């Protein structure tokens, strides 16, 4: 899926939702996949036309996902 022709804000939202689904799962694979999805969302959201509040949510969730992946954060029920 290329994402060509898709609004960057919508694409970032889809990736954020995917990461949320993955973080609801259990295991290191879920956390790693969530980090990848959020990094993709961050790249997409860096473009113009994306609400700053969405960028902030992505950044916050990325920090949480990285901490969880690295064994530093709380489990799937947090935040």
N, C-alpha and C. Protein backbone atom coordinates (compact mmCIF):
# COMPACT_ATOMS: atom_id res chain seq x y z
N UNK A 1 0.84 -1.17 0.00
CA UNK A 1 0.00 0.00 0.00
C UNK A 1 0.88 1.23 0.00
N UNK A 2 0.75 2.05 -1.01
CA UNK A 2 1.66 3.17 -1.17
C UNK A 2 1.22 4.41 -0.41
N UNK A 3 -0.06 4.62 -0.24
CA UNK A 3 -0.54 5.82 0.43
C UNK A 3 -0.60 7.01 -0.50
N UNK A 4 -0.31 6.80 -1.80
CA UNK A 4 -0.35 7.90 -2.76
C UNK A 4 -1.78 8.42 -2.87
N UNK A 5 -1.94 9.72 -2.85
CA UNK A 5 -3.24 10.33 -2.97
C UNK A 5 -4.05 10.36 -1.69
N UNK A 6 -3.49 9.84 -0.62
CA UNK A 6 -4.17 9.83 0.67
C UNK A 6 -3.72 11.05 1.46
N UNK A 7 -4.65 11.69 2.13
CA UNK A 7 -4.35 12.83 2.98
C UNK A 7 -3.34 12.42 4.05
N UNK A 8 -2.25 13.19 4.23
CA UNK A 8 -1.23 12.82 5.22
C UNK A 8 -1.79 12.69 6.63
N UNK A 9 -2.72 13.55 6.99
CA UNK A 9 -3.33 13.45 8.32
C UNK A 9 -4.09 12.15 8.50
N UNK A 10 -4.84 11.75 7.46
CA UNK A 10 -5.58 10.50 7.52
C UNK A 10 -4.63 9.31 7.59
N UNK A 11 -3.58 9.34 6.80
CA UNK A 11 -2.60 8.25 6.80
C UNK A 11 -1.94 8.14 8.17
N UNK A 12 -1.57 9.27 8.75
CA UNK A 12 -0.95 9.26 10.08
C UNK A 12 -1.93 8.70 11.12
N UNK A 13 -3.21 9.07 11.01
CA UNK A 13 -4.23 8.54 11.93
C UNK A 13 -4.35 7.03 11.81
N UNK A 14 -4.34 6.52 10.59
CA UNK A 14 -4.45 5.08 10.37
C UNK A 14 -3.26 4.36 11.02
N UNK A 15 -2.07 4.91 10.82
CA UNK A 15 -0.88 4.30 11.42
C UNK A 15 -0.92 4.39 12.94
N UNK A 16 -1.41 5.49 13.48
CA UNK A 16 -1.56 5.63 14.93
C UNK A 16 -2.53 4.59 15.47
N UNK A 17 -3.66 4.41 14.80
CA UNK A 17 -4.63 3.41 15.23
C UNK A 17 -4.05 1.99 15.15
N UNK A 18 -3.28 1.73 14.11
CA UNK A 18 -2.63 0.42 13.99
C UNK A 18 -1.68 0.19 15.16
N UNK A 19 -0.92 1.21 15.50
CA UNK A 19 0.01 1.09 16.63
C UNK A 19 -0.75 0.84 17.93
N UNK A 20 -1.88 1.53 18.11
CA UNK A 20 -2.69 1.33 19.31
C UNK A 20 -3.17 -0.12 19.41
N UNK A 21 -3.59 -0.68 18.28
CA UNK A 21 -4.01 -2.09 18.26
C UNK A 21 -2.87 -3.00 18.65
N UNK A 22 -1.69 -2.72 18.11
CA UNK A 22 -0.52 -3.54 18.42
C UNK A 22 -0.12 -3.42 19.89
N UNK A 23 -0.20 -2.21 20.43
CA UNK A 23 0.15 -2.02 21.84
C UNK A 23 -0.85 -2.70 22.78
N UNK A 24 -2.06 -2.92 22.29
CA UNK A 24 -3.04 -3.63 23.10
C UNK A 24 -2.70 -5.12 23.17
N UNK A 25 -1.88 -5.58 22.23
CA UNK A 25 -1.44 -6.96 22.24
C UNK A 25 -0.36 -7.17 23.27
N UNK A 26 0.11 -8.37 23.34
CA UNK A 26 1.13 -8.69 24.34
C UNK A 26 2.35 -9.25 23.63
N UNK A 27 3.50 -8.93 24.13
CA UNK A 27 4.73 -9.49 23.60
C UNK A 27 5.61 -8.46 22.93
N UNK A 28 6.89 -8.78 22.85
CA UNK A 28 7.85 -7.84 22.28
C UNK A 28 7.63 -7.58 20.79
N UNK A 29 7.09 -8.57 20.07
CA UNK A 29 6.83 -8.36 18.65
C UNK A 29 5.79 -7.27 18.45
N UNK A 30 4.76 -7.26 19.29
CA UNK A 30 3.72 -6.24 19.19
C UNK A 30 4.29 -4.86 19.43
N UNK A 31 5.14 -4.73 20.43
CA UNK A 31 5.74 -3.43 20.74
C UNK A 31 6.65 -2.97 19.60
N UNK A 32 7.42 -3.88 19.04
CA UNK A 32 8.32 -3.51 17.94
C UNK A 32 7.52 -3.08 16.71
N UNK A 33 6.47 -3.82 16.39
CA UNK A 33 5.62 -3.44 15.26
C UNK A 33 4.94 -2.10 15.50
N UNK A 34 4.54 -1.85 16.74
CA UNK A 34 3.93 -0.56 17.08
C UNK A 34 4.92 0.58 16.88
N UNK A 35 6.17 0.37 17.28
CA UNK A 35 7.20 1.39 17.08
C UNK A 35 7.36 1.67 15.59
N UNK A 36 7.40 0.64 14.79
CA UNK A 36 7.54 0.83 13.34
C UNK A 36 6.35 1.60 12.76
N UNK A 37 5.15 1.26 13.20
CA UNK A 37 3.96 1.97 12.71
C UNK A 37 4.00 3.44 13.13
N UNK A 38 4.41 3.70 14.36
CA UNK A 38 4.46 5.07 14.85
C UNK A 38 5.58 5.87 14.20
N UNK A 39 6.69 5.23 13.90
CA UNK A 39 7.75 5.93 13.17
C UNK A 39 7.26 6.30 11.77
N UNK A 40 6.49 5.41 11.16
CA UNK A 40 5.89 5.73 9.87
C UNK A 40 4.90 6.88 9.98
N UNK A 41 4.11 6.86 11.05
CA UNK A 41 3.15 7.95 11.27
C UNK A 41 3.87 9.27 11.49
N UNK A 42 4.97 9.21 12.21
CA UNK A 42 5.75 10.41 12.46
C UNK A 42 6.31 10.98 11.16
N UNK A 43 6.79 10.11 10.29
CA UNK A 43 7.31 10.56 8.99
C UNK A 43 6.21 11.22 8.16
N UNK A 44 5.05 10.58 8.11
CA UNK A 44 3.93 11.11 7.33
C UNK A 44 3.46 12.44 7.92
N UNK A 45 3.40 12.52 9.25
CA UNK A 45 2.89 13.71 9.92
C UNK A 45 3.86 14.89 9.85
N UNK A 46 5.09 14.64 9.45
CA UNK A 46 6.07 15.71 9.36
C UNK A 46 5.74 16.67 8.22
N UNK A 47 4.94 16.21 7.28
CA UNK A 47 4.56 17.04 6.15
C UNK A 47 3.55 18.11 6.54
N UNK A 48 3.25 18.96 5.59
CA UNK A 48 2.31 20.04 5.84
C UNK A 48 0.88 19.50 5.88
N UNK A 49 0.00 20.26 6.48
CA UNK A 49 -1.41 19.90 6.51
C UNK A 49 -1.79 18.94 7.60
N UNK A 50 -0.90 18.67 8.55
CA UNK A 50 -1.20 17.76 9.64
C UNK A 50 -1.29 18.57 10.93
N UNK A 51 -2.35 18.36 11.67
CA UNK A 51 -2.58 19.10 12.91
C UNK A 51 -1.45 18.86 13.90
N UNK A 52 -0.97 19.92 14.54
CA UNK A 52 0.08 19.77 15.56
C UNK A 52 -0.34 18.82 16.69
N UNK A 53 -1.62 18.81 17.04
CA UNK A 53 -2.07 17.91 18.11
C UNK A 53 -1.90 16.44 17.73
N UNK A 54 -2.06 16.13 16.45
CA UNK A 54 -1.84 14.76 15.98
C UNK A 54 -0.36 14.41 16.08
N UNK A 55 0.50 15.33 15.68
CA UNK A 55 1.94 15.09 15.81
C UNK A 55 2.33 14.83 17.26
N UNK A 56 1.75 15.60 18.17
CA UNK A 56 2.04 15.42 19.60
C UNK A 56 1.59 14.05 20.09
N UNK A 57 0.39 13.62 19.69
CA UNK A 57 -0.10 12.30 20.09
C UNK A 57 0.81 11.20 19.57
N UNK A 58 1.25 11.34 18.33
CA UNK A 58 2.15 10.35 17.75
C UNK A 58 3.45 10.31 18.53
N UNK A 59 4.02 11.47 18.81
CA UNK A 59 5.29 11.52 19.56
C UNK A 59 5.16 10.88 20.94
N UNK A 60 4.05 11.18 21.63
CA UNK A 60 3.83 10.60 22.96
C UNK A 60 3.70 9.09 22.90
N UNK A 61 2.91 8.61 21.95
CA UNK A 61 2.72 7.16 21.84
C UNK A 61 4.01 6.47 21.40
N UNK A 62 4.80 7.13 20.56
CA UNK A 62 6.08 6.56 20.14
C UNK A 62 7.01 6.40 21.33
N UNK A 63 7.09 7.41 22.18
CA UNK A 63 7.92 7.32 23.38
C UNK A 63 7.45 6.17 24.26
N UNK A 64 6.14 6.04 24.42
CA UNK A 64 5.57 4.95 25.22
C UNK A 64 5.91 3.59 24.60
N UNK A 65 5.74 3.47 23.30
CA UNK A 65 5.99 2.20 22.62
C UNK A 65 7.46 1.81 22.70
N UNK A 66 8.34 2.79 22.53
CA UNK A 66 9.78 2.49 22.64
C UNK A 66 10.14 2.04 24.05
N UNK A 67 9.57 2.72 25.05
CA UNK A 67 9.84 2.33 26.44
C UNK A 67 9.34 0.91 26.70
N UNK A 68 8.16 0.60 26.20
CA UNK A 68 7.60 -0.74 26.39
C UNK A 68 8.44 -1.78 25.66
N UNK A 69 8.84 -1.47 24.44
CA UNK A 69 9.68 -2.39 23.68
C UNK A 69 10.99 -2.66 24.41
N UNK A 70 11.53 -1.62 25.03
CA UNK A 70 12.82 -1.74 25.71
C UNK A 70 12.68 -2.21 27.15
N UNK A 71 11.46 -2.57 27.55
CA UNK A 71 11.24 -3.09 28.88
C UNK A 71 11.22 -2.04 29.97
N UNK A 72 11.01 -0.79 29.60
CA UNK A 72 11.04 0.30 30.57
C UNK A 72 9.67 0.83 30.93
N UNK A 73 8.66 0.44 30.18
CA UNK A 73 7.35 1.03 30.38
C UNK A 73 6.35 0.06 30.93
N UNK A 74 5.16 0.58 31.26
CA UNK A 74 4.08 -0.26 31.76
C UNK A 74 3.48 -1.13 30.67
N UNK A 75 2.62 -2.01 31.06
CA UNK A 75 2.00 -2.96 30.14
C UNK A 75 0.95 -2.34 29.24
N UNK A 76 0.18 -3.19 28.56
CA UNK A 76 -0.76 -2.72 27.55
C UNK A 76 -1.92 -1.89 28.07
N UNK A 77 -2.23 -1.95 29.36
CA UNK A 77 -3.36 -1.19 29.90
C UNK A 77 -3.02 0.24 30.26
N UNK A 78 -1.76 0.62 30.16
CA UNK A 78 -1.35 1.97 30.55
C UNK A 78 -1.58 2.96 29.43
N UNK A 79 -1.84 4.22 29.82
CA UNK A 79 -1.90 5.37 28.93
C UNK A 79 -2.73 5.22 27.75
